[in-house]
Amino acid sequence: MYDDDDLAAIREAKESWEAETLDPTLDRHGERKERFATVSNREVERVYTPEDVADLDYDADLGFPGEEPYTRGVYPTMYRGRTWTMRQFAGFGTAEETNERFRYLIDEGQTGLSTAFDMPSLMGIDSDDEMSLGEVGKEGVAVDTLRDMEILFDGIDLTEVSTSFTINPSAPVIYAMYVALADERGIPREELRGTLQNDMLKEFIAQKEWVIPPEPSLDLVTDTIEFAVDETPSFKPISVSGYHIREAGSTAVQELAFTLADGFAYVEDCLDRGLDVDEFAPQLSFFFNSHNSLFEEVAKFRAARRIYARVMDEWYDAEADASKQLKFHTQTAGQSLTAQQPLNNVARVTIQALAGVLGGTQSLHTNSFDEALALPSEQAVRVALRTQQIIAEESGAADIVDPLGGSFAVESLTDETEAEAMAYIEEIREMGDGSVRDGVLHGIEQGYFHREIQESAYEYQERVDEGEETVVGVNAYEIDEDTRPDLLKIDETTRDRQLDRLESVKADRDDDAVAAALDDLRDAVDAGENVMPAVVAAVKEYATMGEVMAVFEAEYGTYRERIGVA
């Protein structure tokens, strides 16, 4: 972007500034710290100049919004057309209570729903399982059968709302229930909009909610993608998630690299299935964390789009624009929330949300200030939603497309992030002898991802403990007074009410029809067929979450057995 003479002049001017202006100031006053770095411990320069982006090719590296390589955004007008989807994560207790929270959020101006499930539902077991004791409805909503799904969306028009489901091992069952609910209401499947997290590779890397081993888990994910292409083309069957990788302690670069590697692994599996890249790729979505270092996060999001566009084109021969556009949901960093002085979290979340907006996210969840202590209260979730609305309506951040584009600092950080993330992706590809999918599976089995993340998490905590990393209210600016807010408490009758409904469903359903549907599911697994039609048929007969997942466990074995965990 600058010729050699311009760069030489700038370099000379910088040297003069350092000698005549900077050095005398440093001699008199110094700086606050010897070293300045991001949350990921990336050192940042004092000042950036055109010399830091001397190799930048505007057309190839930036371009314009809505055009390759999509560094500046996937849509030409971005938020000038419409704002991002405001999608607050919600779910607790029974379906009735979560339905009430859904309606509350819609009334307060939320533009998309996001469903949190309790641990039994996440792990694919029923509320009456002995392993569910003490967990029913505690960290999300309990869903055992289609009856719960019916109540969860009672009075909510599925054609008017986009719904996200944060669930993984049992994602095919929840997806089947949502499809069955649409069929029940006479809604054409192609009108369903929303997203299923359904990212099993990251579970083996970071989140650790898994039931069956990695390879059959990957098969099930590909089944849902294949089914969605044919049946629910406006619904995203997977949200490839870096959020939990970051929450486990990774750096921003590791989050980006491992997430994209997982995404490319799914692409390769779909291609091996015989699917056309330009048919399934537009239905892939991504999910990133947004942490405290604003410029690092913006650079991460911009680099993500650029890497994805290039790799989808060069490695996987994608031709359609939609196949090369990385679209993603963002959630502010749960790991950054503090139980100490929880109202400080409002400021943290605001900065993180702003980073997501400046980085071009398609939808956003803002954490509530009390989430380090409990599920969010109504007051806290309203403040979190209002944070997004203030950014959208009052800050001006949504009025300019890629407003930080062209910043010497942000462009330099974007280039660095891209280069370091690609180095990781190439390393993973080499582990798979040219296959990213095989490299990811190999990395899971060998503990590669665990080691990388654990080292970063340890280094971060060490910096906090030594005071190199300031956490306001935790290792600096502490106070003695009790600052805990009023917390949401789950009704102790939740489990009893959920078990009563489950018992009622089992009493009313046709047991022979359930047994036949589960037999059909076993046959589909044995035949190597796509299991989704059989799962949809089973949930329509009110087969439970646990009954469907038990078929998969029996047919594929469990990951617990494979790694020797009781």
Protein backbone atom coordinates (compact mmCIF):
# COMPACT_ATOMS: atom_id res chain seq x y z
CA MET A 1 0.00 0.00 0.00
CA TYR A 2 3.05 2.25 0.36
CA ASP A 3 6.01 2.42 -1.99
CA ASP A 4 9.60 1.97 -0.80
CA ASP A 5 10.30 5.70 -0.74
CA ASP A 6 7.24 6.36 1.44
CA LEU A 7 8.22 3.59 3.85
CA ALA A 8 11.79 4.84 4.06
CA ALA A 9 10.54 8.33 4.89
CA ILE A 10 8.18 6.99 7.53
CA ARG A 11 10.97 4.86 9.03
CA GLU A 12 13.24 7.89 9.20
CA ALA A 13 10.50 10.01 10.75
CA LYS A 14 9.82 7.34 13.36
CA GLU A 15 13.51 7.16 14.30
CA SER A 16 13.57 10.93 14.68
CA TRP A 17 10.42 10.85 16.84
CA GLU A 18 11.94 8.17 19.06
CA ALA A 19 15.16 10.12 19.59
CA GLU A 20 13.69 13.60 19.98
CA THR A 21 10.25 13.06 21.53
CA LEU A 22 9.87 9.55 22.92
CA ASP A 23 13.25 8.95 24.63
CA PRO A 24 13.19 12.17 26.70
CA THR A 25 9.69 11.28 27.89
CA LEU A 26 10.77 7.77 28.83
CA ASP A 27 13.77 9.15 30.69
CA ARG A 28 11.54 11.46 32.74
CA HIS A 29 8.47 9.33 33.33
CA GLY A 30 8.93 5.81 31.98
CA GLU A 31 5.84 3.71 31.26
CA ARG A 32 3.33 1.90 33.43
CA LYS A 33 4.78 -1.52 32.64
CA GLU A 34 7.92 -2.96 31.10
CA ARG A 35 5.85 -5.08 28.75
CA PHE A 36 2.36 -4.63 27.31
CA ALA A 37 0.46 -7.70 26.15
CA THR A 38 -3.02 -9.00 25.36
CA VAL A 39 -4.96 -11.52 27.44
CA SER A 40 -3.38 -14.18 25.21
CA ASN A 41 0.06 -12.79 26.15
CA ARG A 42 0.70 -11.43 22.67
CA GLU A 43 3.10 -8.49 23.08
CA VAL A 44 1.84 -5.30 21.47
CA GLU A 45 3.93 -2.47 20.12
CA ARG A 46 3.90 1.06 21.49
CA VAL A 47 2.80 2.46 18.15
CA TYR A 48 2.07 0.99 14.72
CA THR A 49 2.91 2.61 11.38
CA PRO A 50 2.51 1.73 7.70
CA GLU A 51 5.79 -0.20 7.97
CA ASP A 52 3.93 -2.80 10.07
CA VAL A 53 1.53 -3.47 7.19
CA ALA A 54 3.97 -2.92 4.34
CA ASP A 55 3.13 -6.29 2.76
CA LEU A 56 -0.62 -5.75 2.88
CA ASP A 57 -2.32 -6.17 -0.50
CA TYR A 58 -5.58 -4.26 -0.31
CA ASP A 59 -7.48 -6.32 -2.90
CA ALA A 60 -6.17 -9.73 -1.83
CA ASP A 61 -6.11 -9.19 1.93
CA LEU A 62 -8.91 -6.71 2.59
CA GLY A 63 -11.18 -5.97 -0.34
CA PHE A 64 -14.65 -4.67 0.37
CA PRO A 65 -17.47 -5.92 2.60
CA GLY A 66 -19.46 -8.71 1.01
CA GLU A 67 -16.59 -9.67 -1.32
CA GLU A 68 -13.68 -12.07 -0.98
CA PRO A 69 -11.75 -12.55 1.20
CA TYR A 70 -14.53 -11.17 3.46
CA THR A 71 -12.00 -9.71 5.91
CA ARG A 72 -14.21 -6.63 6.17
CA GLY A 73 -17.49 -8.54 6.61
CA VAL A 74 -19.72 -11.04 4.85
CA TYR A 75 -22.41 -8.53 3.87
CA PRO A 76 -21.96 -5.28 1.90
CA THR A 77 -24.00 -3.17 4.33
CA MET A 78 -23.47 -5.20 7.52
CA TYR A 79 -25.41 -3.57 10.41
CA ARG A 80 -26.58 -0.65 8.29
CA GLY A 81 -28.95 -3.21 6.74
CA ARG A 82 -30.02 -4.80 10.00
CA THR A 83 -28.30 -5.31 13.30
CA TRP A 84 -26.87 -8.61 14.45
CA THR A 85 -29.28 -11.12 16.00
CA MET A 86 -29.51 -10.48 19.73
CA ARG A 87 -29.65 -14.02 21.05
CA GLN A 88 -29.55 -14.33 24.84
CA PHE A 89 -28.84 -17.82 26.20
CA ALA A 90 -31.78 -18.94 28.36
CA GLY A 91 -32.97 -22.11 30.04
CA PHE A 92 -33.63 -23.39 33.53
CA GLY A 93 -36.04 -25.60 35.42
CA THR A 94 -38.84 -27.12 33.42
CA ALA A 95 -40.09 -26.28 29.94
CA GLU A 96 -42.80 -24.03 31.43
CA GLU A 97 -40.30 -21.82 33.25
CA THR A 98 -38.01 -21.51 30.25
CA ASN A 99 -40.95 -20.73 27.98
CA GLU A 100 -41.79 -17.88 30.34
CA ARG A 101 -38.19 -16.58 30.12
CA PHE A 102 -38.28 -16.89 26.31
CA ARG A 103 -41.45 -14.80 26.16
CA TYR A 104 -39.95 -12.23 28.54
CA LEU A 105 -36.86 -11.82 26.35
CA ILE A 106 -38.94 -11.51 23.17
CA ASP A 107 -41.06 -8.82 24.86
CA GLU A 108 -37.85 -6.99 25.85
CA GLY A 109 -36.69 -6.83 22.23
CA GLN A 110 -34.59 -9.97 21.78
CA THR A 111 -34.47 -11.04 18.14
CA GLY A 112 -33.48 -14.71 18.48
CA LEU A 113 -33.81 -17.49 21.04
CA SER A 114 -30.96 -19.55 22.48
CA THR A 115 -31.66 -22.65 24.55
CA ALA A 116 -29.60 -23.87 27.49
CA PHE A 117 -30.16 -27.48 28.56
CA ASP A 118 -29.58 -29.16 31.89
CA MET A 119 -26.76 -31.66 32.29
CA PRO A 120 -28.91 -34.81 31.92
CA SER A 121 -30.27 -33.53 28.60
CA LEU A 122 -26.77 -32.54 27.47
CA MET A 123 -25.48 -36.03 28.27
CA GLY A 124 -28.44 -37.80 26.67
CA ILE A 125 -30.00 -39.32 29.80
CA ASP A 126 -33.52 -38.96 31.14
CA SER A 127 -34.54 -37.04 34.24
CA ASP A 128 -35.47 -40.27 36.03
CA ASP A 129 -32.01 -41.80 35.51
CA GLU A 130 -30.11 -42.22 38.80
CA MET A 131 -27.24 -40.21 37.30
CA SER A 132 -29.60 -37.22 36.91
CA LEU A 133 -30.19 -36.88 40.64
CA GLY A 134 -29.44 -33.32 41.74
CA GLU A 135 -29.02 -32.04 38.17
CA VAL A 136 -32.55 -31.83 36.74
CA GLY A 137 -33.24 -28.28 35.52
CA LYS A 138 -30.24 -26.89 37.40
CA GLU A 139 -28.07 -25.36 34.66
CA GLY A 140 -30.58 -25.35 31.85
CA VAL A 141 -34.00 -26.68 30.88
CA ALA A 142 -34.86 -30.36 31.24
CA VAL A 143 -36.02 -31.99 27.98
CA ASP A 144 -36.89 -35.68 28.02
CA THR A 145 -39.47 -36.05 25.27
CA LEU A 146 -41.29 -34.23 22.49
CA ARG A 147 -43.86 -33.18 25.13
CA ASP A 148 -41.22 -30.94 26.74
CA MET A 149 -40.41 -29.41 23.35
CA GLU A 150 -44.10 -28.72 22.76
CA ILE A 151 -44.34 -26.83 26.06
CA LEU A 152 -40.99 -25.07 25.58
CA PHE A 153 -42.25 -23.35 22.43
CA ASP A 154 -45.90 -22.97 23.40
CA GLY A 155 -47.22 -19.71 21.99
CA ILE A 156 -44.02 -19.03 20.03
CA ASP A 157 -44.27 -18.94 16.23
CA LEU A 158 -41.43 -21.07 14.86
CA THR A 159 -41.65 -19.26 11.52
CA GLU A 160 -41.04 -15.88 13.18
CA VAL A 161 -38.12 -16.72 15.43
CA SER A 162 -34.64 -18.16 14.92
CA THR A 163 -33.75 -20.64 17.65
CA SER A 164 -30.34 -21.86 18.77
CA PHE A 165 -29.81 -25.12 20.67
CA THR A 166 -26.58 -25.41 22.66
CA ILE A 167 -26.28 -29.18 22.88
CA ASN A 168 -23.81 -31.70 21.49
CA PRO A 169 -23.83 -35.50 22.14
CA SER A 170 -27.63 -35.57 22.12
CA ALA A 171 -27.98 -32.84 19.47
CA PRO A 172 -29.53 -35.20 16.86
CA VAL A 173 -32.38 -35.95 19.30
CA ILE A 174 -33.11 -32.28 20.08
CA TYR A 175 -32.94 -31.44 16.37
CA ALA A 176 -35.35 -34.29 15.64
CA MET A 177 -37.74 -32.99 18.30
CA TYR A 178 -37.70 -29.50 16.75
CA VAL A 179 -38.39 -30.95 13.30
CA ALA A 180 -41.17 -33.12 14.77
CA LEU A 181 -42.69 -30.08 16.47
CA ALA A 182 -42.76 -28.23 13.13
CA ASP A 183 -44.40 -31.24 11.47
CA GLU A 184 -46.94 -31.38 14.28
CA ARG A 185 -47.83 -27.71 13.75
CA GLY A 186 -48.00 -28.06 9.98
CA ILE A 187 -44.98 -25.81 9.43
CA PRO A 188 -42.95 -26.68 6.32
CA ARG A 189 -39.52 -27.86 7.37
CA GLU A 190 -37.81 -25.44 5.00
CA GLU A 191 -39.22 -22.55 7.05
CA LEU A 192 -37.39 -23.56 10.24
CA ARG A 193 -34.57 -21.18 11.15
CA GLY A 194 -31.97 -21.60 13.83
CA THR A 195 -28.74 -23.30 14.79
CA LEU A 196 -27.75 -26.57 16.41
CA GLN A 197 -24.39 -26.51 18.16
CA ASN A 198 -23.72 -30.19 17.46
CA ASP A 199 -19.91 -29.80 17.48
CA MET A 200 -18.58 -33.06 18.84
CA LEU A 201 -14.93 -32.56 17.92
CA LYS A 202 -14.59 -29.63 20.30
CA GLU A 203 -16.19 -31.76 23.03
CA PHE A 204 -13.27 -34.18 22.83
CA ILE A 205 -10.88 -31.24 22.70
CA ALA A 206 -12.22 -29.01 25.46
CA GLN A 207 -15.81 -29.28 26.73
CA LYS A 208 -15.78 -33.02 27.48
CA GLU A 209 -19.48 -33.77 27.09
CA TRP A 210 -19.39 -36.97 25.10
CA VAL A 211 -21.16 -40.34 24.98
CA ILE A 212 -19.94 -42.39 22.00
CA PRO A 213 -16.36 -42.32 20.58
CA PRO A 214 -15.06 -39.62 18.21
CA GLU A 215 -15.44 -41.46 14.90
CA PRO A 216 -19.14 -42.41 15.26
CA SER A 217 -19.78 -39.02 16.82
CA LEU A 218 -18.44 -37.47 13.63
CA ASP A 219 -20.69 -39.77 11.59
CA LEU A 220 -23.74 -38.51 13.48
CA VAL A 221 -22.76 -34.89 12.92
CA THR A 222 -22.46 -35.55 9.20
CA ASP A 223 -25.86 -37.28 9.28
CA THR A 224 -27.44 -34.12 10.66
CA ILE A 225 -25.72 -31.95 8.04
CA GLU A 226 -26.83 -34.23 5.22
CA PHE A 227 -30.40 -34.29 6.57
CA ALA A 228 -30.48 -30.50 6.99
CA VAL A 229 -29.35 -29.90 3.40
CA ASP A 230 -32.39 -31.84 2.17
CA GLU A 231 -35.00 -31.07 4.83
CA THR A 232 -34.23 -27.80 6.68
CA PRO A 233 -32.15 -25.65 4.33
CA SER A 234 -32.61 -22.48 6.43
CA PHE A 235 -31.46 -24.19 9.63
CA LYS A 236 -27.77 -24.44 10.56
CA PRO A 237 -27.13 -28.06 11.65
CA ILE A 238 -23.78 -27.25 13.27
CA SER A 239 -22.12 -24.35 15.03
CA VAL A 240 -18.41 -25.12 15.07
CA SER A 241 -17.47 -23.83 18.47
CA GLY A 242 -14.30 -22.15 19.60
CA TYR A 243 -16.08 -20.67 22.58
CA HIS A 244 -15.45 -23.65 24.85
CA ILE A 245 -11.88 -24.02 23.62
CA ARG A 246 -11.23 -20.46 24.81
CA GLU A 247 -13.11 -21.06 28.06
CA ALA A 248 -10.81 -24.04 28.70
CA GLY A 249 -7.85 -21.66 28.67
CA SER A 250 -6.63 -21.39 25.09
CA THR A 251 -5.18 -18.26 23.55
CA ALA A 252 -7.07 -16.32 20.88
CA VAL A 253 -4.91 -17.89 18.15
CA GLN A 254 -5.45 -21.42 19.48
CA GLU A 255 -9.19 -20.78 19.68
CA LEU A 256 -9.23 -19.66 16.06
CA ALA A 257 -6.93 -22.38 14.73
CA PHE A 258 -8.55 -25.32 16.52
CA THR A 259 -12.05 -24.11 15.65
CA LEU A 260 -11.27 -23.74 11.97
CA ALA A 261 -9.47 -27.10 11.97
CA ASP A 262 -12.62 -28.70 13.38
CA GLY A 263 -14.66 -26.94 10.72
CA PHE A 264 -12.43 -28.19 7.94
CA ALA A 265 -12.62 -31.69 9.44
CA TYR A 266 -16.42 -31.58 9.09
CA VAL A 267 -16.06 -30.31 5.52
CA GLU A 268 -13.79 -33.24 4.64
CA ASP A 269 -16.16 -35.75 6.25
CA CYS A 270 -19.08 -34.35 4.27
CA LEU A 271 -17.06 -34.51 1.06
CA ASP A 272 -16.16 -38.14 1.80
CA ARG A 273 -19.89 -38.78 2.26
CA GLY A 274 -20.33 -37.60 -1.32
CA LEU A 275 -21.99 -34.27 -0.52
CA ASP A 276 -21.41 -31.26 -2.76
CA VAL A 277 -19.43 -28.55 -0.99
CA ASP A 278 -21.59 -25.79 -2.41
CA GLU A 279 -24.71 -27.51 -1.11
CA PHE A 280 -23.67 -28.11 2.50
CA ALA A 281 -21.05 -25.42 3.22
CA PRO A 282 -23.57 -22.53 3.30
CA GLN A 283 -25.27 -24.27 6.23
CA LEU A 284 -22.13 -24.42 8.37
CA SER A 285 -21.84 -21.80 11.11
CA PHE A 286 -19.26 -20.92 13.75
CA PHE A 287 -19.24 -19.76 17.36
CA PHE A 288 -16.47 -17.68 18.92
CA ASN A 289 -15.59 -16.25 22.31
CA SER A 290 -15.02 -12.52 22.74
CA HIS A 291 -12.56 -11.72 25.51
CA ASN A 292 -11.20 -8.54 27.10
CA SER A 293 -8.42 -7.55 24.67
CA LEU A 294 -10.56 -5.62 22.23
CA PHE A 295 -8.12 -5.23 19.34
CA GLU A 296 -6.91 -8.83 19.56
CA GLU A 297 -10.50 -10.06 19.36
CA VAL A 298 -11.36 -7.85 16.39
CA ALA A 299 -8.23 -9.11 14.62
CA LYS A 300 -9.22 -12.71 15.40
CA PHE A 301 -12.66 -12.32 13.83
CA ARG A 302 -11.28 -10.62 10.73
CA ALA A 303 -8.53 -13.23 10.30
CA ALA A 304 -11.11 -16.00 10.71
CA ARG A 305 -13.08 -14.81 7.70
CA ARG A 306 -9.98 -14.42 5.57
CA ILE A 307 -8.56 -17.86 6.38
CA TYR A 308 -11.90 -19.56 5.85
CA ALA A 309 -12.51 -17.95 2.46
CA ARG A 310 -9.06 -18.89 1.19
CA VAL A 311 -9.04 -22.46 2.50
CA MET A 312 -12.56 -23.25 1.29
CA ASP A 313 -11.54 -22.01 -2.16
CA GLU A 314 -8.04 -23.46 -2.42
CA TRP A 315 -8.37 -26.73 -0.48
CA TYR A 316 -11.99 -27.71 -1.02
CA ASP A 317 -12.84 -26.11 -4.38
CA ALA A 318 -15.82 -24.15 -3.09
CA GLU A 319 -17.23 -21.89 -5.78
CA ALA A 320 -20.38 -20.35 -4.31
CA ASP A 321 -19.89 -17.15 -2.34
CA ALA A 322 -21.99 -18.54 0.51
CA SER A 323 -19.63 -21.50 0.81
CA LYS A 324 -16.70 -19.20 1.52
CA GLN A 325 -18.42 -16.79 3.91
CA LEU A 326 -17.67 -17.58 7.54
CA LYS A 327 -20.72 -16.57 9.57
CA PHE A 328 -20.53 -16.75 13.32
CA HIS A 329 -22.22 -16.24 16.66
CA THR A 330 -20.30 -14.57 19.48
CA GLN A 331 -20.64 -14.93 23.23
CA THR A 332 -18.82 -12.75 25.71
CA ALA A 333 -16.21 -14.50 27.83
CA GLY A 334 -17.67 -16.45 30.73
CA GLN A 335 -14.15 -17.18 31.96
CA SER A 336 -13.59 -13.47 32.50
CA LEU A 337 -16.58 -13.00 34.82
CA THR A 338 -15.75 -12.56 38.49
CA ALA A 339 -17.75 -13.49 41.57
CA GLN A 340 -16.00 -10.60 43.34
CA GLN A 341 -17.68 -7.24 42.66
CA PRO A 342 -19.99 -8.80 40.05
CA LEU A 343 -21.29 -5.45 38.77
CA ASN A 344 -17.81 -4.95 37.27
CA ASN A 345 -18.84 -7.66 34.82
CA VAL A 346 -21.21 -5.20 33.12
CA ALA A 347 -18.18 -3.19 31.96
CA ARG A 348 -16.29 -6.32 30.90
CA VAL A 349 -19.24 -7.62 28.90
CA THR A 350 -19.72 -4.24 27.21
CA ILE A 351 -16.12 -4.20 25.96
CA GLN A 352 -16.35 -7.81 24.80
CA ALA A 353 -19.68 -7.23 23.04
CA LEU A 354 -18.26 -4.16 21.33
CA ALA A 355 -15.35 -6.27 20.08
CA GLY A 356 -17.81 -8.74 18.59
CA VAL A 357 -19.68 -5.95 16.82
CA LEU A 358 -16.52 -4.23 15.56
CA GLY A 359 -15.36 -7.67 14.39
CA GLY A 360 -18.53 -8.28 12.35
CA THR A 361 -20.45 -10.98 14.24
CA GLN A 362 -23.81 -12.22 12.92
CA SER A 363 -25.37 -12.84 16.33
CA LEU A 364 -24.40 -12.08 19.90
CA HIS A 365 -25.02 -13.26 23.45
CA THR A 366 -23.97 -10.96 26.26
CA ASN A 367 -23.32 -12.66 29.60
CA SER A 368 -25.20 -11.46 32.66
CA PHE A 369 -23.24 -9.86 35.50
CA ASP A 370 -24.30 -12.55 38.01
CA GLU A 371 -23.33 -15.63 35.97
CA ALA A 372 -20.18 -16.31 37.98
CA LEU A 373 -22.54 -17.04 40.86
CA ALA A 374 -25.74 -18.53 39.42
CA LEU A 375 -28.02 -18.71 36.42
CA PRO A 376 -28.94 -15.14 35.43
CA SER A 377 -31.77 -13.34 37.17
CA GLU A 378 -34.36 -11.38 35.17
CA GLN A 379 -32.75 -8.09 36.13
CA ALA A 380 -29.28 -9.27 35.10
CA VAL A 381 -30.40 -10.72 31.79
CA ARG A 382 -32.28 -7.50 30.99
CA VAL A 383 -29.09 -5.45 31.60
CA ALA A 384 -27.18 -7.85 29.36
CA LEU A 385 -29.72 -7.43 26.56
CA ARG A 386 -29.83 -3.65 27.05
CA THR A 387 -26.03 -3.62 26.65
CA GLN A 388 -26.44 -4.93 23.10
CA GLN A 389 -29.28 -2.52 22.37
CA ILE A 390 -27.23 0.46 23.57
CA ILE A 391 -24.29 -0.58 21.37
CA ALA A 392 -26.66 -0.97 18.42
CA GLU A 393 -28.75 2.15 18.91
CA GLU A 394 -26.56 4.67 20.76
CA SER A 395 -22.85 4.03 20.21
CA GLY A 396 -22.56 4.44 16.44
CA ALA A 397 -20.51 1.23 16.29
CA ALA A 398 -23.10 -0.32 13.96
CA ASP A 399 -23.13 2.59 11.55
CA ILE A 400 -19.78 2.02 9.78
CA VAL A 401 -18.83 -1.26 8.15
CA ASP A 402 -15.53 -2.60 9.56
CA PRO A 403 -14.74 0.71 11.29
CA LEU A 404 -11.29 -0.46 12.45
CA GLY A 405 -10.27 -1.56 8.96
CA GLY A 406 -7.14 0.27 7.91
CA SER A 407 -5.88 0.72 11.45
CA PHE A 408 -2.17 -0.04 11.35
CA ALA A 409 -2.49 -1.86 14.68
CA VAL A 410 -5.56 -3.91 13.78
CA GLU A 411 -4.29 -4.82 10.31
CA SER A 412 -0.93 -5.87 11.76
CA LEU A 413 -2.62 -7.95 14.45
CA THR A 414 -4.93 -9.50 11.83
CA ASP A 415 -1.94 -10.55 9.72
CA GLU A 416 -0.10 -11.98 12.72
CA THR A 417 -3.19 -13.87 13.89
CA GLU A 418 -3.76 -15.31 10.43
CA ALA A 419 -0.14 -16.47 10.08
CA GLU A 420 -0.02 -18.11 13.53
CA ALA A 421 -3.43 -19.78 13.14
CA MET A 422 -2.49 -21.16 9.72
CA ALA A 423 0.74 -22.57 11.18
CA TYR A 424 -1.37 -24.54 13.68
CA ILE A 425 -3.80 -25.70 10.97
CA GLU A 426 -0.96 -26.87 8.75
CA GLU A 427 0.56 -28.75 11.70
CA ILE A 428 -2.76 -30.50 12.33
CA ARG A 429 -3.07 -31.30 8.63
CA GLU A 430 0.41 -32.83 8.67
CA MET A 431 -0.59 -35.02 11.65
CA GLY A 432 -3.31 -36.42 9.39
CA ASP A 433 -1.00 -36.98 6.41
CA GLY A 434 -2.74 -34.27 4.42
CA SER A 435 -6.19 -34.64 6.00
CA VAL A 436 -7.34 -32.08 8.55
CA ARG A 437 -10.04 -34.49 9.70
CA ASP A 438 -7.57 -37.28 10.37
CA GLY A 439 -5.23 -34.80 12.01
CA VAL A 440 -7.94 -33.62 14.39
CA LEU A 441 -8.89 -37.20 15.29
CA HIS A 442 -5.20 -38.06 15.79
CA GLY A 443 -4.72 -34.96 17.93
CA ILE A 444 -7.67 -35.93 20.11
CA GLU A 445 -6.36 -39.44 20.64
CA GLN A 446 -2.82 -38.26 21.38
CA GLY A 447 -3.86 -35.45 23.72
CA TYR A 448 -2.33 -32.79 21.48
CA PHE A 449 -5.11 -30.24 21.96
CA HIS A 450 -5.31 -30.83 25.71
CA ARG A 451 -1.61 -30.16 26.14
CA GLU A 452 -1.64 -26.99 24.05
CA ILE A 453 -4.63 -25.56 25.92
CA GLN A 454 -3.41 -26.61 29.36
CA GLU A 455 -0.06 -24.90 28.85
CA SER A 456 -1.77 -21.66 27.85
CA ALA A 457 -4.22 -21.86 30.75
CA TYR A 458 -1.39 -22.45 33.22
CA GLU A 459 0.64 -19.55 31.86
CA TYR A 460 -2.35 -17.21 32.10
CA GLN A 461 -3.15 -18.19 35.69
CA GLU A 462 0.51 -17.81 36.60
CA ARG A 463 0.45 -14.23 35.25
CA VAL A 464 -2.69 -13.50 37.30
CA ASP A 465 -1.18 -14.99 40.45
CA GLU A 466 2.00 -12.95 39.99
CA GLY A 467 0.08 -9.76 39.28
CA GLU A 468 1.31 -9.44 35.70
CA GLU A 469 -2.29 -9.78 34.52
CA THR A 470 -4.66 -7.43 36.37
CA VAL A 471 -8.15 -8.68 37.15
CA VAL A 472 -10.04 -5.79 38.69
CA GLY A 473 -11.65 -6.76 41.98
CA VAL A 474 -9.68 -10.02 42.20
CA ASN A 475 -5.98 -9.20 42.39
CA ALA A 476 -6.33 -5.39 42.31
CA TYR A 477 -8.84 -2.82 43.59
CA GLU A 478 -10.29 -5.30 46.06
CA ILE A 479 -12.90 -4.40 48.68
CA ASP A 480 -14.11 -6.17 51.81
CA GLU A 481 -17.85 -5.56 51.58
CA ASP A 482 -20.30 -8.22 50.39
CA THR A 483 -21.22 -7.36 46.78
CA ARG A 484 -23.27 -10.45 45.93
CA PRO A 485 -26.56 -9.65 44.16
CA ASP A 486 -29.86 -11.46 44.64
CA LEU A 487 -29.54 -14.76 42.79
CA LEU A 488 -31.94 -16.90 40.81
CA LYS A 489 -32.81 -20.08 42.72
CA ILE A 490 -34.21 -23.17 41.04
CA ASP A 491 -37.46 -24.37 42.59
CA GLU A 492 -36.77 -27.53 44.60
CA THR A 493 -39.93 -29.09 43.14
CA THR A 494 -38.48 -28.94 39.61
CA ARG A 495 -37.34 -32.55 39.57
CA ASP A 496 -40.64 -33.85 40.93
CA ARG A 497 -42.62 -31.94 38.33
CA GLN A 498 -40.37 -33.12 35.52
CA LEU A 499 -40.58 -36.75 36.65
CA ASP A 500 -44.38 -36.49 36.84
CA ARG A 501 -44.53 -35.32 33.23
CA LEU A 502 -42.11 -38.01 32.06
CA GLU A 503 -44.14 -40.68 33.83
CA SER A 504 -47.33 -39.33 32.26
CA VAL A 505 -45.84 -39.37 28.77
CA LYS A 506 -44.68 -42.97 29.20
CA ALA A 507 -48.13 -43.98 30.45
CA ASP A 508 -49.96 -42.35 27.53
CA ARG A 509 -47.72 -43.36 24.61
CA ASP A 510 -47.96 -46.52 22.48
CA ASP A 511 -45.13 -48.71 23.81
CA ASP A 512 -45.25 -51.03 20.80
CA ALA A 513 -44.87 -48.09 18.44
CA VAL A 514 -41.92 -46.80 20.48
CA ALA A 515 -40.24 -50.20 20.43
CA ALA A 516 -40.75 -50.51 16.67
CA ALA A 517 -39.33 -47.03 16.08
CA LEU A 518 -36.24 -47.81 18.17
CA ASP A 519 -35.80 -51.07 16.24
CA ASP A 520 -35.89 -49.07 13.01
CA LEU A 521 -33.21 -46.80 14.42
CA ARG A 522 -31.01 -49.81 15.25
CA ASP A 523 -31.50 -51.09 11.71
CA ALA A 524 -30.47 -47.72 10.27
CA VAL A 525 -27.28 -47.72 12.35
CA ASP A 526 -26.46 -51.30 11.37
CA ALA A 527 -27.05 -50.53 7.68
CA GLY A 528 -24.85 -47.43 7.78
CA GLU A 529 -27.79 -45.24 6.74
CA ASN A 530 -28.45 -41.66 7.76
CA VAL A 531 -30.09 -42.03 11.17
CA MET A 532 -31.99 -38.74 11.27
CA PRO A 533 -35.24 -39.94 9.64
CA ALA A 534 -35.39 -42.78 12.16
CA VAL A 535 -34.67 -40.45 15.09
CA VAL A 536 -37.44 -38.08 13.97
CA ALA A 537 -39.85 -41.02 13.73
CA ALA A 538 -38.86 -42.24 17.20
CA VAL A 539 -39.36 -38.90 18.95
CA LYS A 540 -42.74 -38.52 17.26
CA GLU A 541 -43.73 -41.68 19.13
CA TYR A 542 -42.47 -39.97 22.32
CA ALA A 543 -39.38 -42.09 22.70
CA THR A 544 -37.28 -40.42 25.37
CA MET A 545 -33.92 -38.76 25.02
CA GLY A 546 -32.33 -41.60 27.04
CA GLU A 547 -33.97 -44.34 24.97
CA VAL A 548 -32.70 -42.93 21.68
CA MET A 549 -29.20 -42.31 23.01
CA ALA A 550 -29.10 -45.81 24.51
CA VAL A 551 -29.43 -47.19 20.97
CA PHE A 552 -26.34 -45.25 19.89
CA GLU A 553 -24.40 -46.39 22.96
CA ALA A 554 -25.33 -50.02 22.33
CA GLU A 555 -24.43 -49.84 18.65
CA TYR A 556 -21.29 -47.69 18.81
CA GLY A 557 -19.97 -48.35 22.31
CA THR A 558 -19.16 -45.59 24.77
CA TYR A 559 -16.16 -43.31 24.91
CA ARG A 560 -15.92 -43.96 28.66
CA GLU A 561 -15.19 -47.60 27.97
CA ARG A 562 -12.67 -46.71 25.27
CA ILE A 563 -10.56 -44.50 27.53
CA GLY A 564 -11.06 -46.66 30.61
CA VAL A 565 -13.31 -44.35 32.63
CA ALA A 566 -15.98 -46.04 34.73
